[in-house]
């Protein structure tokens, strides 16, 4: 397991555009850059726990590393806004997922692009950009959604203070209408919690 995980991490930064993309994000917004590094590394670990192959774990880790790269097209002041966003501002924010897909597709990274597009989809269909439901959301994307939300809660956001590891897992496991319980379980096992949430089946697409 450790050898498998080490191999995945060694390849996480292997794509030729990695330095350019991450450098641009760092210059644009430090917090987004930090979040990408956290999510990329944790996605690779969770993928290993979930039984994905080395190749699949590398792809998921790289998707985590670039999942918010579309935020390069959003001004930093909006990314760090502490006020309630207007509907127009939310439209701009929600555009980062398809923007990220377009940027990765342009680099020929089509597998990453598909995962990145859907990282804000939710099981009940309330997510974006496509309103996918249940198993219509690919497994890798469901894993990324959980890791993304976990790191956002742990690190805090401009409008919300950070919360504890236990509280973040509790919120994720309580939101089974939104987040895949198996993905939450894989995250909990990866982080070594003794309170891994009980698994529930994901509803099929209606």
C-alpha atoms as a PDB file:
ATOM      1  CA  UNK A   1       0.000   0.000   0.000  1.00  0.00           C
ATOM      2  CA  UNK A   2       2.766   2.469   0.951  1.00  0.00           C
ATOM      3  CA  UNK A   3       4.722   1.672  -2.223  1.00  0.00           C
ATOM      4  CA  UNK A   4       1.546   2.118  -4.295  1.00  0.00           C
ATOM      5  CA  UNK A   5       0.830   5.468  -2.636  1.00  0.00           C
ATOM      6  CA  UNK A   6       4.415   6.648  -3.047  1.00  0.00           C
ATOM      7  CA  UNK A   7       4.300   5.880  -6.753  1.00  0.00           C
ATOM      8  CA  UNK A   8       1.085   7.886  -7.092  1.00  0.00           C
ATOM      9  CA  UNK A   9       2.507  10.927  -5.287  1.00  0.00           C
ATOM     10  CA  UNK A  10       5.691  10.865  -7.363  1.00  0.00           C
ATOM     11  CA  UNK A  11       3.598  11.202 -10.522  1.00  0.00           C
ATOM     12  CA  UNK A  12       1.180  13.818  -9.214  1.00  0.00           C
ATOM     13  CA  UNK A  13       3.140  16.726 -10.715  1.00  0.00           C
ATOM     14  CA  UNK A  14       4.259  14.952 -13.901  1.00  0.00           C
ATOM     15  CA  UNK A  15       2.062  16.740 -16.450  1.00  0.00           C
ATOM     16  CA  UNK A  16       3.999  19.279 -18.550  1.00  0.00           C
ATOM     17  CA  UNK A  17       1.616  22.156 -17.820  1.00  0.00           C
ATOM     18  CA  UNK A  18       1.588  21.651 -14.037  1.00  0.00           C
ATOM     19  CA  UNK A  19       4.160  24.314 -13.168  1.00  0.00           C
ATOM     20  CA  UNK A  20       2.579  26.913 -15.444  1.00  0.00           C
ATOM     21  CA  UNK A  21      -0.946  26.332 -14.147  1.00  0.00           C
ATOM     22  CA  UNK A  22      -0.025  26.190 -10.467  1.00  0.00           C
ATOM     23  CA  UNK A  23       2.315  29.154 -10.806  1.00  0.00           C
ATOM     24  CA  UNK A  24      -0.453  31.216 -12.363  1.00  0.00           C
ATOM     25  CA  UNK A  25      -2.862  30.226  -9.582  1.00  0.00           C
ATOM     26  CA  UNK A  26      -0.298  31.112  -6.900  1.00  0.00           C
ATOM     27  CA  UNK A  27       0.176  34.554  -8.406  1.00  0.00           C
ATOM     28  CA  UNK A  28      -3.581  35.045  -8.737  1.00  0.00           C
ATOM     29  CA  UNK A  29      -4.767  33.836  -5.319  1.00  0.00           C
ATOM     30  CA  UNK A  30      -2.688  32.156  -2.614  1.00  0.00           C
ATOM     31  CA  UNK A  31      -5.629  30.473  -0.867  1.00  0.00           C
ATOM     32  CA  UNK A  32      -6.793  28.803  -4.067  1.00  0.00           C
ATOM     33  CA  UNK A  33      -3.246  27.567  -4.668  1.00  0.00           C
ATOM     34  CA  UNK A  34      -3.008  26.121  -1.149  1.00  0.00           C
ATOM     35  CA  UNK A  35      -6.408  24.459  -1.554  1.00  0.00           C
ATOM     36  CA  UNK A  36      -5.365  22.845  -4.847  1.00  0.00           C
ATOM     37  CA  UNK A  37      -2.235  21.345  -3.298  1.00  0.00           C
ATOM     38  CA  UNK A  38      -4.204  20.018  -0.327  1.00  0.00           C
ATOM     39  CA  UNK A  39      -6.967  18.513  -2.446  1.00  0.00           C
ATOM     40  CA  UNK A  40      -4.591  16.989  -4.986  1.00  0.00           C
ATOM     41  CA  UNK A  41      -2.537  15.194  -2.349  1.00  0.00           C
ATOM     42  CA  UNK A  42      -5.574  14.046  -0.369  1.00  0.00           C
ATOM     43  CA  UNK A  43      -7.385  12.840  -3.506  1.00  0.00           C
ATOM     44  CA  UNK A  44      -4.406  10.639  -4.334  1.00  0.00           C
ATOM     45  CA  UNK A  45      -4.500   9.145  -0.832  1.00  0.00           C
ATOM     46  CA  UNK A  46      -8.268   8.614  -0.858  1.00  0.00           C
ATOM     47  CA  UNK A  47      -8.082   7.004  -4.300  1.00  0.00           C
ATOM     48  CA  UNK A  48      -5.589   4.485  -2.951  1.00  0.00           C
ATOM     49  CA  UNK A  49      -7.845   3.732   0.022  1.00  0.00           C
ATOM     50  CA  UNK A  50     -10.815   3.326  -2.321  1.00  0.00           C
ATOM     51  CA  UNK A  51      -8.961   0.645  -4.274  1.00  0.00           C
ATOM     52  CA  UNK A  52      -8.286   2.555  -7.482  1.00  0.00           C
ATOM     53  CA  UNK A  53      -5.317   1.454  -9.553  1.00  0.00           C
ATOM     54  CA  UNK A  54      -2.136   3.536  -9.550  1.00  0.00           C
ATOM     55  CA  UNK A  55      -3.088   5.029 -12.908  1.00  0.00           C
ATOM     56  CA  UNK A  56      -6.590   5.933 -11.715  1.00  0.00           C
ATOM     57  CA  UNK A  57      -5.254   7.370  -8.462  1.00  0.00           C
ATOM     58  CA  UNK A  58      -2.795   9.557 -10.366  1.00  0.00           C
ATOM     59  CA  UNK A  59      -5.597  10.882 -12.575  1.00  0.00           C
ATOM     60  CA  UNK A  60      -7.792  11.638  -9.554  1.00  0.00           C
ATOM     61  CA  UNK A  61      -4.915  13.307  -7.717  1.00  0.00           C
ATOM     62  CA  UNK A  62      -4.161  15.442 -10.752  1.00  0.00           C
ATOM     63  CA  UNK A  63      -7.844  16.324 -11.089  1.00  0.00           C
ATOM     64  CA  UNK A  64      -7.743  17.469  -7.469  1.00  0.00           C
ATOM     65  CA  UNK A  65      -4.635  19.492  -8.204  1.00  0.00           C
ATOM     66  CA  UNK A  66      -6.395  21.361 -11.021  1.00  0.00           C
ATOM     67  CA  UNK A  67     -10.053  21.265  -9.991  1.00  0.00           C
ATOM     68  CA  UNK A  68     -10.268  25.021  -9.342  1.00  0.00           C
ATOM     69  CA  UNK A  69      -7.906  26.183 -12.076  1.00  0.00           C
ATOM     70  CA  UNK A  70     -10.891  27.824 -13.779  1.00  0.00           C
ATOM     71  CA  UNK A  71     -10.838  30.386 -10.957  1.00  0.00           C
ATOM     72  CA  UNK A  72      -8.002  32.065 -12.829  1.00  0.00           C
ATOM     73  CA  UNK A  73     -10.827  33.678 -14.809  1.00  0.00           C
ATOM     74  CA  UNK A  74     -12.440  35.119 -11.663  1.00  0.00           C
ATOM     75  CA  UNK A  75     -11.032  38.253 -10.074  1.00  0.00           C
ATOM     76  CA  UNK A  76      -9.390  37.651  -6.701  1.00  0.00           C
ATOM     77  CA  UNK A  77     -11.638  40.185  -4.975  1.00  0.00           C
ATOM     78  CA  UNK A  78     -14.666  38.036  -5.800  1.00  0.00           C
ATOM     79  CA  UNK A  79     -12.913  34.815  -4.777  1.00  0.00           C
ATOM     80  CA  UNK A  80     -12.254  36.342  -1.365  1.00  0.00           C
ATOM     81  CA  UNK A  81     -15.538  38.200  -0.939  1.00  0.00           C
ATOM     82  CA  UNK A  82     -16.989  38.110   2.573  1.00  0.00           C
ATOM     83  CA  UNK A  83     -20.391  39.491   1.594  1.00  0.00           C
ATOM     84  CA  UNK A  84     -23.317  37.337   0.400  1.00  0.00           C
ATOM     85  CA  UNK A  85     -22.884  36.929  -3.339  1.00  0.00           C
ATOM     86  CA  UNK A  86     -25.462  38.280  -5.746  1.00  0.00           C
ATOM     87  CA  UNK A  87     -26.993  35.985  -8.340  1.00  0.00           C
ATOM     88  CA  UNK A  88     -24.750  37.564 -10.977  1.00  0.00           C
ATOM     89  CA  UNK A  89     -21.679  36.901  -8.827  1.00  0.00           C
ATOM     90  CA  UNK A  90     -22.775  33.306  -8.256  1.00  0.00           C
ATOM     91  CA  UNK A  91     -23.059  32.811 -12.011  1.00  0.00           C
ATOM     92  CA  UNK A  92     -19.467  33.977 -12.376  1.00  0.00           C
ATOM     93  CA  UNK A  93     -18.308  31.694  -9.560  1.00  0.00           C
ATOM     94  CA  UNK A  94     -20.151  28.654 -10.914  1.00  0.00           C
ATOM     95  CA  UNK A  95     -18.496  29.128 -14.293  1.00  0.00           C
ATOM     96  CA  UNK A  96     -15.126  28.042 -12.864  1.00  0.00           C
ATOM     97  CA  UNK A  97     -15.935  24.338 -13.249  1.00  0.00           C
ATOM     98  CA  UNK A  98     -16.597  24.369 -17.024  1.00  0.00           C
ATOM     99  CA  UNK A  99     -13.779  26.903 -17.444  1.00  0.00           C
ATOM    100  CA  UNK A 100     -11.409  24.474 -15.781  1.00  0.00           C
ATOM    101  CA  UNK A 101     -12.648  21.704 -18.050  1.00  0.00           C
ATOM    102  CA  UNK A 102     -11.956  23.857 -21.104  1.00  0.00           C
ATOM    103  CA  UNK A 103      -8.439  24.692 -19.917  1.00  0.00           C
ATOM    104  CA  UNK A 104      -7.587  21.031 -19.348  1.00  0.00           C
ATOM    105  CA  UNK A 105      -9.200  19.907 -22.606  1.00  0.00           C
ATOM    106  CA  UNK A 106      -7.006  22.455 -24.390  1.00  0.00           C
ATOM    107  CA  UNK A 107      -3.979  20.660 -22.914  1.00  0.00           C
ATOM    108  CA  UNK A 108      -5.257  17.276 -24.073  1.00  0.00           C
ATOM    109  CA  UNK A 109      -5.990  16.176 -20.489  1.00  0.00           C
ATOM    110  CA  UNK A 110      -9.496  14.992 -21.277  1.00  0.00           C
ATOM    111  CA  UNK A 111      -9.854  12.492 -18.421  1.00  0.00           C
ATOM    112  CA  UNK A 112      -8.960  15.197 -15.893  1.00  0.00           C
ATOM    113  CA  UNK A 113     -11.223  17.685 -17.625  1.00  0.00           C
ATOM    114  CA  UNK A 114     -14.288  15.462 -17.258  1.00  0.00           C
ATOM    115  CA  UNK A 115     -13.683  14.972 -13.520  1.00  0.00           C
ATOM    116  CA  UNK A 116     -13.020  18.671 -12.945  1.00  0.00           C
ATOM    117  CA  UNK A 117     -16.211  19.730 -14.712  1.00  0.00           C
ATOM    118  CA  UNK A 118     -18.358  17.804 -12.259  1.00  0.00           C
ATOM    119  CA  UNK A 119     -16.728  18.483  -8.902  1.00  0.00           C
ATOM    120  CA  UNK A 120     -19.680  20.613  -7.752  1.00  0.00           C
ATOM    121  CA  UNK A 121     -22.339  18.112  -8.836  1.00  0.00           C
ATOM    122  CA  UNK A 122     -24.410  16.681  -5.968  1.00  0.00           C
ATOM    123  CA  UNK A 123     -26.275  13.391  -5.634  1.00  0.00           C
ATOM    124  CA  UNK A 124     -29.692  15.056  -5.371  1.00  0.00           C
ATOM    125  CA  UNK A 125     -29.190  17.007  -8.604  1.00  0.00           C
ATOM    126  CA  UNK A 126     -28.755  20.361  -6.870  1.00  0.00           C
ATOM    127  CA  UNK A 127     -25.166  20.839  -8.036  1.00  0.00           C
ATOM    128  CA  UNK A 128     -23.660  22.435 -11.128  1.00  0.00           C
ATOM    129  CA  UNK A 129     -22.947  22.850 -13.997  1.00  0.00           C
ATOM    130  CA  UNK A 130     -25.109  19.993 -15.339  1.00  0.00           C
ATOM    131  CA  UNK A 131     -27.409  19.091 -12.445  1.00  0.00           C
ATOM    132  CA  UNK A 132     -26.362  15.432 -12.569  1.00  0.00           C
ATOM    133  CA  UNK A 133     -27.953  13.039 -10.080  1.00  0.00           C
ATOM    134  CA  UNK A 134     -26.862   9.883  -8.288  1.00  0.00           C
ATOM    135  CA  UNK A 135     -24.787   7.422 -10.270  1.00  0.00           C
ATOM    136  CA  UNK A 136     -24.808   9.712 -13.303  1.00  0.00           C
ATOM    137  CA  UNK A 137     -21.946  11.425 -11.454  1.00  0.00           C
ATOM    138  CA  UNK A 138     -18.803   9.343 -12.052  1.00  0.00           C
ATOM    139  CA  UNK A 139     -17.183   7.697  -9.024  1.00  0.00           C
ATOM    140  CA  UNK A 140     -13.957   9.706  -9.345  1.00  0.00           C
ATOM    141  CA  UNK A 141     -15.950  12.928  -9.429  1.00  0.00           C
ATOM    142  CA  UNK A 142     -17.890  11.910  -6.315  1.00  0.00           C
ATOM    143  CA  UNK A 143     -14.598  11.281  -4.520  1.00  0.00           C
ATOM    144  CA  UNK A 144     -13.240  14.676  -5.587  1.00  0.00           C
ATOM    145  CA  UNK A 145     -16.414  16.423  -4.429  1.00  0.00           C
ATOM    146  CA  UNK A 146     -16.006  14.991  -0.925  1.00  0.00           C
ATOM    147  CA  UNK A 147     -12.309  15.851  -0.640  1.00  0.00           C
ATOM    148  CA  UNK A 148     -12.916  19.364  -1.998  1.00  0.00           C
ATOM    149  CA  UNK A 149     -15.679  20.031   0.527  1.00  0.00           C
ATOM    150  CA  UNK A 150     -13.654  18.546   3.393  1.00  0.00           C
ATOM    151  CA  UNK A 151     -10.612  20.737   2.743  1.00  0.00           C
ATOM    152  CA  UNK A 152     -12.771  23.834   2.294  1.00  0.00           C
ATOM    153  CA  UNK A 153     -14.406  23.241   5.685  1.00  0.00           C
ATOM    154  CA  UNK A 154     -11.117  22.424   7.420  1.00  0.00           C
ATOM    155  CA  UNK A 155      -9.284  25.427   5.992  1.00  0.00           C
ATOM    156  CA  UNK A 156     -12.096  27.940   6.230  1.00  0.00           C
ATOM    157  CA  UNK A 157     -13.473  30.226   3.589  1.00  0.00           C
ATOM    158  CA  UNK A 158     -13.811  34.021   3.436  1.00  0.00           C
ATOM    159  CA  UNK A 159     -17.362  33.714   4.772  1.00  0.00           C
ATOM    160  CA  UNK A 160     -16.853  30.807   7.209  1.00  0.00           C
ATOM    161  CA  UNK A 161     -14.307  29.947   9.901  1.00  0.00           C
ATOM    162  CA  UNK A 162     -12.483  26.602   9.723  1.00  0.00           C
ATOM    163  CA  UNK A 163     -13.995  23.671  11.592  1.00  0.00           C
ATOM    164  CA  UNK A 164     -12.492  20.575  13.169  1.00  0.00           C
ATOM    165  CA  UNK A 165     -11.773  17.308  11.392  1.00  0.00           C
ATOM    166  CA  UNK A 166     -14.545  15.604  13.359  1.00  0.00           C
ATOM    167  CA  UNK A 167     -17.106  18.302  12.566  1.00  0.00           C
ATOM    168  CA  UNK A 168     -16.202  18.271   8.871  1.00  0.00           C
ATOM    169  CA  UNK A 169     -16.682  14.501   8.657  1.00  0.00           C
ATOM    170  CA  UNK A 170     -19.937  14.750  10.595  1.00  0.00           C
ATOM    171  CA  UNK A 171     -21.273  17.338   8.156  1.00  0.00           C
ATOM    172  CA  UNK A 172     -20.280  15.258   5.154  1.00  0.00           C
ATOM    173  CA  UNK A 173     -21.765  12.045   6.543  1.00  0.00           C
ATOM    174  CA  UNK A 174     -24.965  13.883   7.505  1.00  0.00           C
ATOM    175  CA  UNK A 175     -25.301  15.221   3.958  1.00  0.00           C
ATOM    176  CA  UNK A 176     -25.826  11.845   2.277  1.00  0.00           C
ATOM    177  CA  UNK A 177     -28.318  13.450  -0.107  1.00  0.00           C
ATOM    178  CA  UNK A 178     -25.400  15.474  -1.482  1.00  0.00           C
ATOM    179  CA  UNK A 179     -22.218  13.442  -0.989  1.00  0.00           C
ATOM    180  CA  UNK A 180     -21.638   9.756  -1.720  1.00  0.00           C
ATOM    181  CA  UNK A 181     -21.452   7.928   1.650  1.00  0.00           C
ATOM    182  CA  UNK A 182     -18.893   5.485   0.232  1.00  0.00           C
ATOM    183  CA  UNK A 183     -16.665   8.411  -0.752  1.00  0.00           C
ATOM    184  CA  UNK A 184     -17.047   9.913   2.725  1.00  0.00           C
ATOM    185  CA  UNK A 185     -16.198   6.514   4.198  1.00  0.00           C
ATOM    186  CA  UNK A 186     -13.046   6.287   2.051  1.00  0.00           C
ATOM    187  CA  UNK A 187     -12.009   9.753   3.224  1.00  0.00           C
ATOM    188  CA  UNK A 188     -12.583   8.830   6.867  1.00  0.00           C
ATOM    189  CA  UNK A 189     -10.537   5.646   6.517  1.00  0.00           C
ATOM    190  CA  UNK A 190      -7.747   7.535   4.760  1.00  0.00           C
ATOM    191  CA  UNK A 191      -7.541  10.042   7.590  1.00  0.00           C
ATOM    192  CA  UNK A 192      -7.513   7.280  10.185  1.00  0.00           C
ATOM    193  CA  UNK A 193     -10.678   8.277  11.964  1.00  0.00           C
ATOM    194  CA  UNK A 194     -12.253   5.793  14.331  1.00  0.00           C
ATOM    195  CA  UNK A 195     -15.673   7.182  13.511  1.00  0.00           C
ATOM    196  CA  UNK A 196     -15.980   6.251   9.864  1.00  0.00           C
ATOM    197  CA  UNK A 197     -19.594   6.868   8.822  1.00  0.00           C
ATOM    198  CA  UNK A 198     -21.920   3.976   8.144  1.00  0.00           C
ATOM    199  CA  UNK A 199     -22.286   3.238   4.433  1.00  0.00           C
ATOM    200  CA  UNK A 200     -25.512   3.792   2.539  1.00  0.00           C
ATOM    201  CA  UNK A 201     -26.321   2.979  -1.056  1.00  0.00           C
ATOM    202  CA  UNK A 202     -26.349   5.769  -3.609  1.00  0.00           C
ATOM    203  CA  UNK A 203     -29.696   6.115  -5.291  1.00  0.00           C
ATOM    204  CA  UNK A 204     -29.711   5.252  -9.001  1.00  0.00           C
ATOM    205  CA  UNK A 205     -30.356   7.936 -11.570  1.00  0.00           C
ATOM    206  CA  UNK A 206     -34.034   8.775 -11.825  1.00  0.00           C
END
